[in-house]
Amino acid sequence: MVYYSETDSDRGLNRDKVRAALESILSNFSGRKRMLILPPDITRAHSGAGVITELLWEQLGERITDILPALGTHMPMEAAELSRMFGGTPHTLFREHRWRTDIEELGRVPASFVSSVTGGRLNFDYPVQVNRLLSSGGHDLIISVGQVVPHEVTGMANYNKNVFVGCGGSEAINKSHFIGAVQGIENILGTADNPVRAVLNKASEIAAQRLPLLYILTVVAPDAQGQLKIRGLFAGDDIECFRQAAALSHRLNFTTMPHRLKKVVVWLDPEEFKSTWLGNKSIYRTRMMIADDGELVVLAPGVRTFGEDPAIDRLIRKYGYRTTPEILAFTEANNDLKENLSAAAHLIHGSPENRFRVTYAAGHLSREEVESVGYRFGDLALLMKRYDPRGLRTGFHTTADGEEFYYISNPATGLWKAAKQE
């Protein structure tokens, strides 16, 4: 059931409009007394979920007993990040999702179902796993807040991904990522219906009796001045609110080029992107518009590591961003990758497949480190002078010596592709 939907294609929904929308949504749940909020973490700082979480706390007060950021495998949020994203929401309400340990299993999606939706490519079952706080925390409403935007694993981010992956366990995260990788990132990106989503939808059916869920979903896009604003707000307890949000995201977050481009430059905000695990959105979201033998330049002053988790970081350093056949062969032959399929999937997603070049200008990684995983090393200081983000907006630009390039200020906000996929 959809409880609320609103779009504003011109100016966006300001704080007062969002507050009024939440009042309307919450009027349907006046009898609920103990509530849990599941917002995204700092990697979705531009989602509008921070403001929504703060407004929910202002309106519901003591009825909000816990807030669990859907970290997935990401690093826990620091106090400064909590304040930056969630404003005055008390830090005492926030809990840490420990994806390797704090997990309860609510059932299994049968292997026959996984095989069916993947066309026989995979034949394992899928665990319906969530943080124990969701399933056994005694809450009478779980409010999952987040942004619908193109995503490399699930096609479009959020909805039940926030629950079963963002608040899921190791096995669920690994298998969901691997399903997407085997399907092919360029077949998944920007799709609302795909094998990964089908598995998560089946997980929702299995867990329905244990999880009293309400979804509040945003669509965020730039206004006429280039400022990111909430352009749509949707709330409901089933997939219809997600479908409406995905349709708006398709209109606002997709950029189609007439042809593939030879040079693309992406800026990674140092407060948001501190690892290639996150920063490789620069590759995922642009790969379908980069020409054969083209170049992607990644300006990444905050990137200091590869994985968000030490174990995954070691795997990325060990195997690197090689081609899909190489990673699949490594996975078949090595137990460390078999036991960490999300890492294997990430290596596939981040590979240019020897089709284009990736020049990574990371602020805290050495030339040896960058080149060891298969990327070209970029001198950050020199490239920042040539492609100075302070004077650039997303779009086409030309350097003083005549080089044309396309610049993207935040790859997490959309998907860029060529009209013809040669």
Protein backbone atom coordinates (compact mmCIF):
# COMPACT_ATOMS: atom_id res chain seq x y z
CA MET A 1 0.00 0.00 0.00
CA VAL A 2 1.27 3.48 -0.88
CA TYR A 3 0.58 5.94 1.95
CA TYR A 4 2.14 9.00 0.33
CA SER A 5 3.72 10.19 -2.92
CA GLU A 6 4.77 13.66 -4.02
CA THR A 7 7.06 15.04 -6.70
CA ASP A 8 8.38 18.51 -7.38
CA SER A 9 10.26 18.61 -10.65
CA ASP A 10 11.27 22.27 -10.42
CA ARG A 11 12.43 23.36 -6.96
CA GLY A 12 12.53 20.23 -4.85
CA LEU A 13 10.89 19.55 -1.50
CA ASN A 14 12.27 21.78 1.24
CA ARG A 15 12.41 20.93 4.94
CA ASP A 16 8.94 22.30 5.66
CA LYS A 17 7.38 20.26 2.85
CA VAL A 18 9.15 17.13 4.02
CA ARG A 19 7.98 17.77 7.59
CA ALA A 20 4.37 18.10 6.41
CA ALA A 21 4.69 14.94 4.32
CA LEU A 22 5.96 12.97 7.32
CA GLU A 23 3.07 14.20 9.44
CA SER A 24 0.67 12.87 6.81
CA ILE A 25 2.50 9.53 6.60
CA LEU A 26 2.73 9.03 10.36
CA SER A 27 -0.97 9.72 10.86
CA ASN A 28 -1.50 6.16 9.59
CA PHE A 29 0.59 4.75 12.45
CA SER A 30 -0.59 6.66 15.50
CA GLY A 31 -0.94 3.47 17.54
CA ARG A 32 2.69 2.40 17.17
CA LYS A 33 4.72 3.06 20.33
CA ARG A 34 8.18 1.55 19.81
CA MET A 35 9.88 2.36 16.51
CA LEU A 36 13.20 1.63 14.81
CA ILE A 37 14.61 3.75 11.96
CA LEU A 38 16.93 2.28 9.30
CA PRO A 39 18.62 5.17 7.46
CA PRO A 40 21.63 4.85 5.14
CA ASP A 41 25.10 5.82 6.35
CA ILE A 42 27.36 8.75 5.43
CA THR A 43 27.97 7.25 1.96
CA ARG A 44 24.41 8.41 1.18
CA ALA A 45 24.88 11.85 2.70
CA HIS A 46 23.05 13.47 -0.23
CA SER A 47 20.00 11.19 -0.02
CA GLY A 48 17.85 13.43 2.18
CA ALA A 49 17.59 10.53 4.62
CA GLY A 50 19.50 12.44 7.30
CA VAL A 51 16.94 15.26 7.35
CA ILE A 52 14.06 12.76 7.26
CA THR A 53 15.53 10.84 10.22
CA GLU A 54 15.95 14.05 12.21
CA LEU A 55 12.37 15.14 11.44
CA LEU A 56 11.04 11.71 12.42
CA TRP A 57 12.80 12.03 15.76
CA GLU A 58 11.42 15.55 16.24
CA GLN A 59 7.88 14.34 15.55
CA LEU A 60 7.96 10.98 17.33
CA GLY A 61 10.25 11.69 20.28
CA GLU A 62 10.48 8.80 22.75
CA ARG A 63 8.60 6.51 20.36
CA ILE A 64 11.89 6.28 18.44
CA THR A 65 13.90 3.86 20.56
CA ASP A 66 16.68 2.91 18.13
CA ILE A 67 18.33 4.08 14.90
CA LEU A 68 20.39 1.53 12.98
CA PRO A 69 22.29 2.89 9.96
CA ALA A 70 22.25 0.28 7.19
CA LEU A 71 26.03 -0.07 6.94
CA GLY A 72 26.25 -3.31 5.00
CA THR A 73 30.01 -3.89 5.03
CA HIS A 74 30.86 -0.20 5.44
CA MET A 75 32.82 1.31 8.30
CA PRO A 76 30.80 2.43 11.36
CA MET A 77 29.87 6.10 11.39
CA GLU A 78 31.95 8.45 13.49
CA ALA A 79 30.39 11.02 15.83
CA ALA A 80 31.19 13.91 13.46
CA GLU A 81 29.53 12.04 10.60
CA LEU A 82 26.41 11.41 12.68
CA SER A 83 26.13 15.11 13.45
CA ARG A 84 26.78 16.13 9.86
CA MET A 85 24.15 13.82 8.44
CA PHE A 86 21.49 13.63 11.17
CA GLY A 87 21.67 17.10 12.69
CA GLY A 88 20.40 17.25 16.25
CA THR A 89 19.26 13.63 16.49
CA PRO A 90 20.73 12.27 19.78
CA HIS A 91 23.76 10.06 19.25
CA THR A 92 22.54 7.82 22.07
CA LEU A 93 19.84 6.45 19.75
CA PHE A 94 22.31 5.10 17.17
CA ARG A 95 23.34 1.45 17.03
CA GLU A 96 26.12 -0.19 15.02
CA HIS A 97 25.31 -2.93 12.52
CA ARG A 98 27.88 -5.71 12.91
CA TRP A 99 27.34 -7.66 9.72
CA ARG A 100 29.45 -10.65 10.68
CA THR A 101 27.92 -11.34 14.10
CA ASP A 102 24.65 -9.52 15.00
CA ILE A 103 22.48 -11.56 12.66
CA GLU A 104 19.29 -13.63 12.83
CA GLU A 105 18.13 -15.82 9.96
CA LEU A 106 14.42 -15.77 9.16
CA GLY A 107 14.36 -18.42 6.43
CA ARG A 108 15.91 -19.33 3.07
CA VAL A 109 15.05 -18.49 -0.52
CA PRO A 110 15.20 -21.92 -2.21
CA ALA A 111 18.03 -22.73 -4.60
CA SER A 112 15.44 -23.61 -7.23
CA PHE A 113 14.16 -20.02 -7.14
CA VAL A 114 17.69 -18.56 -7.43
CA SER A 115 18.41 -20.92 -10.32
CA SER A 116 15.19 -19.91 -12.06
CA VAL A 117 15.76 -16.14 -11.89
CA THR A 118 19.45 -16.42 -12.88
CA GLY A 119 18.75 -18.62 -15.88
CA GLY A 120 20.55 -21.54 -14.26
CA ARG A 121 23.80 -19.61 -13.74
CA LEU A 122 23.67 -20.10 -9.96
CA ASN A 123 22.20 -22.88 -7.86
CA PHE A 124 22.59 -21.87 -4.21
CA ASP A 125 19.91 -20.90 -1.73
CA TYR A 126 19.78 -17.42 -0.24
CA PRO A 127 19.59 -16.64 3.50
CA VAL A 128 16.98 -14.14 4.70
CA GLN A 129 19.22 -12.45 7.27
CA VAL A 130 18.71 -9.27 9.28
CA ASN A 131 20.25 -7.61 12.29
CA ARG A 132 18.65 -9.04 15.44
CA LEU A 133 17.41 -5.57 16.35
CA LEU A 134 14.95 -5.78 13.44
CA SER A 135 13.61 -9.25 14.16
CA SER A 136 13.83 -9.45 17.95
CA GLY A 137 14.00 -5.85 19.16
CA GLY A 138 10.34 -5.61 20.12
CA HIS A 139 9.53 -2.77 17.71
CA ASP A 140 5.99 -2.34 16.37
CA LEU A 141 7.19 -0.29 13.37
CA ILE A 142 10.47 -0.36 11.42
CA ILE A 143 10.92 2.72 9.23
CA SER A 144 13.38 2.13 6.39
CA VAL A 145 14.51 5.45 4.93
CA GLY A 146 16.60 5.86 1.80
CA GLN A 147 17.21 7.05 -1.73
CA VAL A 148 16.24 5.27 -4.95
CA VAL A 149 19.02 5.80 -7.48
CA PRO A 150 20.83 3.57 -10.01
CA HIS A 151 22.90 0.89 -8.26
CA GLU A 152 25.50 -1.58 -9.43
CA VAL A 153 24.29 -4.63 -7.43
CA THR A 154 20.50 -4.29 -7.26
CA GLY A 155 19.93 -2.14 -10.35
CA MET A 156 18.16 0.56 -8.34
CA ALA A 157 19.16 1.22 -4.73
CA ASN A 158 17.04 0.92 -1.63
CA TYR A 159 13.62 -0.57 -0.81
CA ASN A 160 14.29 -4.07 0.59
CA LYS A 161 18.01 -3.85 -0.21
CA ASN A 162 18.25 -1.52 2.79
CA VAL A 163 16.88 -4.32 4.98
CA PHE A 164 18.35 -7.58 3.67
CA VAL A 165 21.72 -6.26 2.43
CA GLY A 166 22.28 -3.02 4.32
CA CYS A 167 21.22 -4.70 7.58
CA GLY A 168 22.02 -8.24 6.42
CA GLY A 169 24.70 -10.75 7.28
CA SER A 170 27.85 -11.97 5.60
CA GLU A 171 26.25 -14.77 3.58
CA ALA A 172 23.37 -12.62 2.34
CA ILE A 173 25.66 -9.75 1.35
CA ASN A 174 28.07 -12.10 -0.40
CA LYS A 175 25.42 -13.95 -2.37
CA SER A 176 23.40 -10.88 -3.40
CA HIS A 177 26.53 -9.21 -4.77
CA PHE A 178 27.60 -12.34 -6.62
CA ILE A 179 24.19 -12.80 -8.24
CA GLY A 180 24.53 -9.29 -9.64
CA ALA A 181 28.10 -9.83 -10.80
CA VAL A 182 27.27 -13.08 -12.62
CA GLN A 183 24.31 -11.35 -14.30
CA GLY A 184 26.69 -8.60 -15.46
CA ILE A 185 26.90 -5.07 -14.09
CA GLU A 186 25.92 -3.46 -17.39
CA ASN A 187 22.82 -5.67 -17.54
CA ILE A 188 21.86 -4.79 -13.94
CA LEU A 189 22.57 -1.06 -13.67
CA GLY A 190 19.45 1.10 -13.73
CA THR A 191 16.94 -1.77 -13.83
CA ALA A 192 14.12 -2.11 -11.29
CA ASP A 193 13.43 -5.77 -12.17
CA ASN A 194 16.38 -8.17 -12.24
CA PRO A 195 17.53 -11.41 -10.56
CA VAL A 196 18.90 -9.69 -7.45
CA ARG A 197 15.69 -7.76 -6.85
CA ALA A 198 13.62 -10.89 -7.46
CA VAL A 199 15.55 -12.69 -4.71
CA LEU A 200 15.16 -9.76 -2.31
CA ASN A 201 11.43 -9.60 -3.07
CA LYS A 202 11.13 -13.29 -2.20
CA ALA A 203 13.03 -12.56 1.02
CA SER A 204 10.45 -9.88 1.82
CA GLU A 205 7.66 -12.43 1.47
CA ILE A 206 9.44 -14.86 3.79
CA ALA A 207 10.16 -12.22 6.45
CA ALA A 208 6.84 -10.33 6.25
CA GLN A 209 5.38 -11.70 9.48
CA ARG A 210 8.45 -10.74 11.51
CA LEU A 211 9.19 -7.27 10.13
CA PRO A 212 6.55 -4.49 10.42
CA LEU A 213 8.12 -2.34 7.71
CA LEU A 214 7.32 1.12 6.41
CA TYR A 215 9.46 2.44 3.56
CA ILE A 216 10.11 6.16 3.07
CA LEU A 217 11.97 6.65 -0.21
CA THR A 218 13.47 9.74 -1.82
CA VAL A 219 14.56 10.62 -5.34
CA VAL A 220 17.29 13.26 -5.35
CA ALA A 221 18.49 15.24 -8.38
CA PRO A 222 19.97 18.68 -9.14
CA ASP A 223 17.73 21.70 -9.52
CA ALA A 224 18.24 24.35 -12.21
CA GLN A 225 21.21 25.77 -10.27
CA GLY A 226 22.88 22.37 -9.93
CA GLN A 227 22.03 21.95 -6.23
CA LEU A 228 20.90 18.49 -5.13
CA LYS A 229 17.32 18.52 -3.86
CA ILE A 230 14.67 15.97 -2.88
CA ARG A 231 12.58 15.84 -6.03
CA GLY A 232 10.29 13.00 -4.96
CA LEU A 233 9.09 11.42 -1.72
CA PHE A 234 7.27 8.09 -1.56
CA ALA A 235 6.06 6.02 1.40
CA GLY A 236 4.45 2.60 1.57
CA ASP A 237 4.65 -0.90 2.93
CA ASP A 238 5.06 -2.80 -0.35
CA ILE A 239 6.87 -2.64 -3.68
CA GLU A 240 4.57 -0.08 -5.31
CA CYS A 241 6.25 2.90 -3.58
CA PHE A 242 9.60 1.61 -4.86
CA ARG A 243 8.28 1.27 -8.40
CA GLN A 244 7.00 4.86 -8.35
CA ALA A 245 10.32 6.13 -7.01
CA ALA A 246 12.28 4.09 -9.58
CA ALA A 247 10.21 5.55 -12.41
CA LEU A 248 11.00 9.10 -11.25
CA SER A 249 14.68 8.24 -10.82
CA HIS A 250 14.74 6.96 -14.39
CA ARG A 251 13.60 10.40 -15.53
CA LEU A 252 15.89 12.45 -13.28
CA ASN A 253 19.03 10.41 -12.55
CA PHE A 254 19.84 8.99 -16.00
CA THR A 255 22.02 10.90 -18.47
CA THR A 256 22.30 9.59 -22.03
CA MET A 257 25.12 10.64 -24.33
CA PRO A 258 24.80 10.44 -28.13
CA HIS A 259 28.05 8.43 -28.28
CA ARG A 260 30.79 7.04 -26.04
CA LEU A 261 33.38 9.51 -24.73
CA LYS A 262 37.17 9.36 -24.78
CA LYS A 263 37.82 11.23 -21.51
CA VAL A 264 35.73 11.32 -18.34
CA VAL A 265 36.83 12.94 -15.07
CA VAL A 266 35.09 12.16 -11.75
CA TRP A 267 35.46 13.97 -8.41
CA LEU A 268 35.10 11.99 -5.17
CA ASP A 269 34.22 14.10 -2.14
CA PRO A 270 36.84 13.22 0.51
CA GLU A 271 34.24 13.25 3.30
CA GLU A 272 32.13 10.67 1.46
CA PHE A 273 34.62 8.44 -0.38
CA LYS A 274 37.50 6.99 1.65
CA SER A 275 37.97 3.61 -0.07
CA THR A 276 37.85 2.20 -3.58
CA TRP A 277 35.01 -0.05 -2.32
CA LEU A 278 32.92 3.13 -2.30
CA GLY A 279 34.90 5.28 -4.73
CA ASN A 280 34.53 2.78 -7.56
CA LYS A 281 31.06 4.19 -8.15
CA SER A 282 33.14 6.42 -10.42
CA ILE A 283 33.71 3.34 -12.59
CA TYR A 284 30.31 1.65 -12.20
CA ARG A 285 28.20 4.66 -13.10
CA THR A 286 30.29 5.85 -16.07
CA ARG A 287 31.53 2.65 -17.72
CA MET A 288 28.69 2.54 -20.23
CA MET A 289 29.64 5.93 -21.69
CA ILE A 290 33.41 5.46 -21.92
CA ALA A 291 34.77 4.64 -25.37
CA ASP A 292 37.03 1.69 -26.14
CA ASP A 293 40.58 2.76 -25.25
CA GLY A 294 39.11 5.79 -23.47
CA GLU A 295 40.19 7.03 -20.06
CA LEU A 296 38.48 7.60 -16.74
CA VAL A 297 40.34 9.93 -14.37
CA VAL A 298 39.30 9.55 -10.72
CA LEU A 299 40.15 12.48 -8.44
CA ALA A 300 40.02 10.85 -5.00
CA PRO A 301 41.76 12.94 -2.32
CA GLY A 302 40.08 11.05 0.55
CA VAL A 303 40.74 7.48 -0.62
CA ARG A 304 43.12 5.77 1.78
CA THR A 305 42.29 2.09 1.45
CA PHE A 306 40.66 -0.44 -0.87
CA GLY A 307 38.12 -2.26 1.31
CA GLU A 308 35.92 -0.91 4.09
CA ASP A 309 36.57 -4.13 6.01
CA PRO A 310 40.16 -5.36 6.73
CA ALA A 311 39.48 -8.86 5.40
CA ILE A 312 38.03 -7.54 2.15
CA ASP A 313 40.83 -4.99 1.85
CA ARG A 314 43.34 -7.85 1.91
CA LEU A 315 41.45 -9.69 -0.85
CA ILE A 316 41.37 -6.63 -3.11
CA ARG A 317 45.11 -6.17 -2.63
CA LYS A 318 45.72 -9.87 -3.30
CA TYR A 319 43.68 -10.32 -6.49
CA GLY A 320 43.15 -6.83 -7.95
CA TYR A 321 40.53 -5.52 -10.36
CA ARG A 322 41.12 -8.07 -13.13
CA THR A 323 38.81 -9.19 -15.92
CA THR A 324 35.63 -11.12 -15.21
CA PRO A 325 37.03 -14.47 -16.49
CA GLU A 326 40.13 -14.02 -14.30
CA ILE A 327 38.11 -13.21 -11.16
CA LEU A 328 35.72 -16.11 -11.75
CA ALA A 329 38.72 -18.43 -12.14
CA PHE A 330 40.31 -17.06 -8.97
CA THR A 331 37.01 -17.60 -7.14
CA GLU A 332 36.74 -21.19 -8.33
CA ALA A 333 40.30 -21.96 -7.24
CA ASN A 334 40.57 -20.06 -3.94
CA ASN A 335 38.55 -20.55 -0.76
CA ASP A 336 39.18 -17.01 0.47
CA LEU A 337 37.21 -15.62 -2.47
CA LYS A 338 34.60 -18.39 -2.31
CA GLU A 339 33.93 -17.37 1.29
CA ASN A 340 33.75 -13.66 0.38
CA LEU A 341 31.68 -13.53 -2.79
CA SER A 342 30.89 -9.84 -2.29
CA ALA A 343 34.61 -9.13 -2.66
CA ALA A 344 34.74 -11.22 -5.84
CA ALA A 345 31.73 -9.32 -7.17
CA HIS A 346 33.33 -5.99 -6.28
CA LEU A 347 36.49 -6.92 -8.18
CA ILE A 348 34.41 -7.71 -11.26
CA HIS A 349 32.36 -4.52 -10.96
CA GLY A 350 35.49 -2.39 -10.66
CA SER A 351 37.28 -3.89 -13.63
CA PRO A 352 37.56 -1.90 -16.87
CA GLU A 353 37.81 -5.34 -18.54
CA ASN A 354 40.86 -4.15 -20.54
CA ARG A 355 38.44 -2.03 -22.58
CA PHE A 356 39.30 1.40 -21.14
CA ARG A 357 41.88 2.84 -18.74
CA VAL A 358 41.31 3.95 -15.16
CA THR A 359 43.72 6.55 -13.78
CA TYR A 360 43.24 6.64 -9.99
CA ALA A 361 44.55 9.74 -8.23
CA ALA A 362 44.11 8.64 -4.62
CA GLY A 363 45.18 10.97 -1.86
CA HIS A 364 46.57 8.30 0.45
CA LEU A 365 47.56 5.34 -1.75
CA SER A 366 51.03 4.97 -3.26
CA ARG A 367 51.86 4.35 -6.90
CA GLU A 368 52.79 0.78 -6.01
CA GLU A 369 49.44 0.17 -4.29
CA VAL A 370 47.34 1.62 -7.10
CA GLU A 371 49.21 -0.18 -9.87
CA SER A 372 49.19 -3.48 -7.96
CA VAL A 373 45.39 -3.74 -8.29
CA GLY A 374 45.39 -3.00 -12.02
CA TYR A 375 44.78 0.76 -12.25
CA ARG A 376 47.07 3.48 -13.56
CA PHE A 377 48.52 5.80 -10.92
CA GLY A 378 47.52 9.44 -11.14
CA ASP A 379 49.43 12.31 -9.54
CA LEU A 380 46.66 14.00 -7.55
CA ALA A 381 48.30 17.43 -7.35
CA LEU A 382 48.97 17.59 -11.08
CA LEU A 383 45.54 16.31 -12.09
CA MET A 384 43.77 18.66 -9.66
CA LYS A 385 45.48 21.56 -11.43
CA ARG A 386 44.48 20.30 -14.85
CA TYR A 387 40.89 19.43 -13.85
CA ASP A 388 40.21 21.80 -10.95
CA PRO A 389 36.86 20.76 -9.36
CA ARG A 390 36.39 24.22 -7.86
CA GLY A 391 35.63 25.66 -11.28
CA LEU A 392 33.70 22.76 -12.78
CA ARG A 393 30.10 21.62 -12.90
CA THR A 394 28.88 18.30 -14.24
CA GLY A 395 29.05 18.46 -18.03
CA PHE A 396 31.43 19.01 -20.95
CA HIS A 397 34.57 21.12 -20.56
CA THR A 398 37.74 21.90 -22.50
CA THR A 399 41.21 22.46 -21.04
CA ALA A 400 43.41 25.39 -22.04
CA ASP A 401 45.33 23.16 -24.45
CA GLY A 402 42.17 21.93 -26.16
CA GLU A 403 41.41 18.60 -24.48
CA GLU A 404 37.66 17.94 -24.20
CA PHE A 405 36.41 15.98 -21.21
CA TYR A 406 33.19 15.25 -19.39
CA TYR A 407 33.19 16.03 -15.66
CA ILE A 408 31.01 14.48 -12.94
CA SER A 409 30.90 16.08 -9.49
CA ASN A 410 29.40 13.05 -7.69
CA PRO A 411 29.03 9.65 -9.36
CA ALA A 412 26.63 8.42 -6.65
CA THR A 413 23.88 10.72 -7.93
CA GLY A 414 23.13 8.99 -11.22
CA LEU A 415 24.00 6.81 -14.18
CA TRP A 416 25.64 7.93 -17.42
CA LYS A 417 25.55 5.87 -20.60
CA ALA A 418 25.81 6.19 -24.36
CA ALA A 419 22.68 5.88 -26.47
CA LYS A 420 24.36 3.16 -28.51
CA GLN A 421 26.18 0.41 -26.64
CA GLU A 422 28.63 -0.75 -29.31
